[in-house]
Amino acid sequence: MGLGKSLCIIALIAKHKETLTALSNTPSVQLPKWIKQSSGTLIVCPASVLGQRKLELEKHCKALTVATFHGKG
């Protein structure tokens, strides 16, 4: 606990989005085969921290759109 894992993941997601946006706006640059453009990132977490994770994402990275899904149970 308290090791900054959430902040590291938020930074990784934001950097990935920034890199894809920059590369896709440069017509002479082709994306490497290992970079896959996606429209979202799935984060799986316990229901007890779902609200906290959503608030952290909205607080630290306003450029991201956050949606939550809570299944049955």
C-alpha atoms as a PDB file:
ATOM      1  CA  MET A   1       0.000   0.000   0.000  1.00  0.00           C
ATOM      2  CA  GLY A   2       1.130   3.523  -0.699  1.00  0.00           C
ATOM      3  CA  LEU A   3       3.730   2.543  -3.299  1.00  0.00           C
ATOM      4  CA  GLY A   4       2.326   4.782  -6.053  1.00  0.00           C
ATOM      5  CA  LYS A   5       0.991   2.004  -8.268  1.00  0.00           C
ATOM      6  CA  SER A   6      -2.145   3.951  -9.191  1.00  0.00           C
ATOM      7  CA  LEU A   7      -0.172   7.051 -10.101  1.00  0.00           C
ATOM      8  CA  CYS A   8       2.226   4.965 -12.239  1.00  0.00           C
ATOM      9  CA  ILE A   9      -0.674   3.411 -14.165  1.00  0.00           C
ATOM     10  CA  ILE A  10      -2.317   6.812 -14.693  1.00  0.00           C
ATOM     11  CA  ALA A  11       0.982   8.179 -16.026  1.00  0.00           C
ATOM     12  CA  LEU A  12       1.418   5.186 -18.341  1.00  0.00           C
ATOM     13  CA  ILE A  13      -2.114   5.514 -19.762  1.00  0.00           C
ATOM     14  CA  ALA A  14      -1.693   9.276 -20.259  1.00  0.00           C
ATOM     15  CA  LYS A  15       1.726   8.890 -21.929  1.00  0.00           C
ATOM     16  CA  HIS A  16       0.388   6.192 -24.249  1.00  0.00           C
ATOM     17  CA  LYS A  17      -2.495   8.442 -25.297  1.00  0.00           C
ATOM     18  CA  GLU A  18      -0.155  11.414 -25.783  1.00  0.00           C
ATOM     19  CA  THR A  19       2.273   9.372 -27.894  1.00  0.00           C
ATOM     20  CA  LEU A  20      -0.454   7.930 -30.121  1.00  0.00           C
ATOM     21  CA  THR A  21      -1.997  11.364 -30.637  1.00  0.00           C
ATOM     22  CA  ALA A  22       1.351  12.909 -31.560  1.00  0.00           C
ATOM     23  CA  LEU A  23       2.284  10.093 -33.934  1.00  0.00           C
ATOM     24  CA  SER A  24      -1.113   9.929 -35.603  1.00  0.00           C
ATOM     25  CA  ASN A  25      -0.975  13.687 -36.316  1.00  0.00           C
ATOM     26  CA  THR A  26       2.352  13.277 -38.139  1.00  0.00           C
ATOM     27  CA  PRO A  27       1.600  11.812 -41.590  1.00  0.00           C
ATOM     28  CA  SER A  28       5.216  10.893 -42.382  1.00  0.00           C
ATOM     29  CA  VAL A  29       5.549   8.735 -39.255  1.00  0.00           C
ATOM     30  CA  GLN A  30       4.234   5.187 -39.208  1.00  0.00           C
ATOM     31  CA  LEU A  31       3.348   3.578 -35.904  1.00  0.00           C
ATOM     32  CA  PRO A  32       5.555   0.626 -34.967  1.00  0.00           C
ATOM     33  CA  LYS A  33       3.803  -2.735 -35.251  1.00  0.00           C
ATOM     34  CA  TRP A  34       3.920  -3.253 -31.481  1.00  0.00           C
ATOM     35  CA  ILE A  35       1.916  -0.062 -30.819  1.00  0.00           C
ATOM     36  CA  LYS A  36      -1.778  -0.737 -31.164  1.00  0.00           C
ATOM     37  CA  GLN A  37      -4.122   2.213 -31.240  1.00  0.00           C
ATOM     38  CA  SER A  38      -7.069   1.615 -28.943  1.00  0.00           C
ATOM     39  CA  SER A  39     -10.004   3.628 -27.774  1.00  0.00           C
ATOM     40  CA  GLY A  40      -9.788   2.584 -24.148  1.00  0.00           C
ATOM     41  CA  THR A  41      -7.942   0.936 -21.313  1.00  0.00           C
ATOM     42  CA  LEU A  42      -9.546  -1.594 -18.997  1.00  0.00           C
ATOM     43  CA  ILE A  43      -8.587  -1.374 -15.341  1.00  0.00           C
ATOM     44  CA  VAL A  44      -9.836  -4.185 -13.124  1.00  0.00           C
ATOM     45  CA  CYS A  45     -10.022  -3.502  -9.400  1.00  0.00           C
ATOM     46  CA  PRO A  46     -11.992  -4.592  -6.346  1.00  0.00           C
ATOM     47  CA  ALA A  47     -15.437  -3.012  -5.987  1.00  0.00           C
ATOM     48  CA  SER A  48     -14.331  -1.490  -2.686  1.00  0.00           C
ATOM     49  CA  VAL A  49     -11.854   0.829  -4.457  1.00  0.00           C
ATOM     50  CA  LEU A  50     -13.815   1.476  -7.659  1.00  0.00           C
ATOM     51  CA  GLY A  51     -14.916   4.974  -6.635  1.00  0.00           C
ATOM     52  CA  GLN A  52     -11.450   5.862  -5.373  1.00  0.00           C
ATOM     53  CA  ARG A  53      -9.808   4.789  -8.652  1.00  0.00           C
ATOM     54  CA  LYS A  54     -12.311   6.832 -10.658  1.00  0.00           C
ATOM     55  CA  LEU A  55     -11.629   9.934  -8.548  1.00  0.00           C
ATOM     56  CA  GLU A  56      -7.855   9.444  -8.874  1.00  0.00           C
ATOM     57  CA  LEU A  57      -8.078   9.208 -12.658  1.00  0.00           C
ATOM     58  CA  GLU A  58     -10.306  12.276 -12.904  1.00  0.00           C
ATOM     59  CA  LYS A  59      -8.090  14.253 -10.516  1.00  0.00           C
ATOM     60  CA  HIS A  60      -4.674  13.421 -11.959  1.00  0.00           C
ATOM     61  CA  CYS A  61      -5.487  13.181 -15.666  1.00  0.00           C
ATOM     62  CA  LYS A  62      -8.310  15.417 -16.803  1.00  0.00           C
ATOM     63  CA  ALA A  63      -7.635  14.547 -20.459  1.00  0.00           C
ATOM     64  CA  LEU A  64      -8.973  11.021 -19.939  1.00  0.00           C
ATOM     65  CA  THR A  65     -12.640  10.083 -20.063  1.00  0.00           C
ATOM     66  CA  VAL A  66     -13.490   7.738 -17.191  1.00  0.00           C
ATOM     67  CA  ALA A  67     -16.389   5.299 -17.192  1.00  0.00           C
ATOM     68  CA  THR A  68     -17.061   2.688 -14.538  1.00  0.00           C
ATOM     69  CA  PHE A  69     -18.841  -0.630 -14.769  1.00  0.00           C
ATOM     70  CA  HIS A  70     -19.864  -2.705 -11.802  1.00  0.00           C
ATOM     71  CA  GLY A  71     -21.182  -6.165 -12.593  1.00  0.00           C
ATOM     72  CA  LYS A  72     -23.493  -8.313 -10.509  1.00  0.00           C
ATOM     73  CA  GLY A  73     -22.380  -9.370  -7.095  1.00  0.00           C
END
